[in-house]
Amino acid sequence: MNEFFHMGGYAFYVWTSYGLALLVLLANVLSPILLKKKLLSQLARREQRAGRS
C-alpha cells in the first residue's frame, strides 16, 4: 500500500495533479449553481421594482 501512495517517486506530481483536477471539477459543479442563485435574486429584484411602478 505504501508503494501505491509513493508512486515510484512521482507521488508529489501525481497527487498534485489529482488535487488540481478535483478543484477544477468542483468549480465546474459549483459555478453554475452560484450563477443560478445570483440570476434568480437579480430577477426577483427586477420583479419587485417592476411591481412598484
Protein backbone atom coordinates (compact mmCIF):
# COMPACT_ATOMS: atom_id res chain seq x y z
CA MET A 1 0.00 0.00 0.00
CA ASN A 2 2.86 2.35 0.80
CA GLU A 3 4.26 1.80 -2.70
CA PHE A 4 0.90 2.80 -4.18
CA PHE A 5 0.90 6.12 -2.33
CA HIS A 6 4.59 6.73 -3.06
CA MET A 7 4.04 6.04 -6.81
CA GLY A 8 7.65 5.26 -7.62
CA GLY A 9 8.95 8.67 -6.58
CA TYR A 10 6.36 10.66 -8.54
CA ALA A 11 3.82 10.95 -5.74
CA PHE A 12 4.06 14.74 -5.43
CA TYR A 13 3.29 15.29 -9.11
CA VAL A 14 0.57 12.65 -9.27
CA TRP A 15 -1.27 13.74 -6.12
CA THR A 16 -0.92 17.40 -7.09
CA SER A 17 -2.48 16.59 -10.46
CA TYR A 18 -5.32 14.71 -8.78
CA GLY A 19 -5.88 17.64 -6.41
CA LEU A 20 -5.96 20.20 -9.21
CA ALA A 21 -8.32 18.03 -11.24
CA LEU A 22 -10.62 17.75 -8.24
CA LEU A 23 -10.60 21.54 -7.79
CA VAL A 24 -11.50 22.06 -11.46
CA LEU A 25 -14.33 19.53 -11.24
CA LEU A 26 -15.70 21.18 -8.10
CA ALA A 27 -15.52 24.58 -9.77
CA ASN A 28 -17.43 23.17 -12.76
CA VAL A 29 -20.16 21.94 -10.43
CA LEU A 30 -20.38 24.93 -8.10
CA SER A 31 -20.06 27.74 -10.64
CA PRO A 32 -23.42 27.16 -12.39
CA ILE A 33 -25.16 26.70 -9.04
CA LEU A 34 -23.85 30.03 -7.76
CA LEU A 35 -24.63 31.78 -11.05
CA LYS A 36 -28.20 30.45 -10.98
CA LYS A 37 -28.66 31.72 -7.43
CA LYS A 38 -27.33 35.15 -8.39
CA LEU A 39 -29.50 35.32 -11.51
CA LEU A 40 -32.65 34.35 -9.60
CA SER A 41 -32.02 37.03 -6.96
CA GLN A 42 -31.46 39.65 -9.69
CA LEU A 43 -34.67 38.63 -11.42
CA ALA A 44 -36.58 38.79 -8.14
CA ARG A 45 -35.29 42.33 -7.52
CA ARG A 46 -36.31 43.38 -11.04
CA GLU A 47 -39.75 41.87 -10.50
CA GLN A 48 -40.16 43.80 -7.24
CA ARG A 49 -39.11 47.06 -8.91
CA ALA A 50 -41.46 46.46 -11.84
CA GLY A 51 -44.31 45.74 -9.43
CA ARG A 52 -43.82 49.04 -7.59
CA SER A 53 -44.08 51.22 -10.67
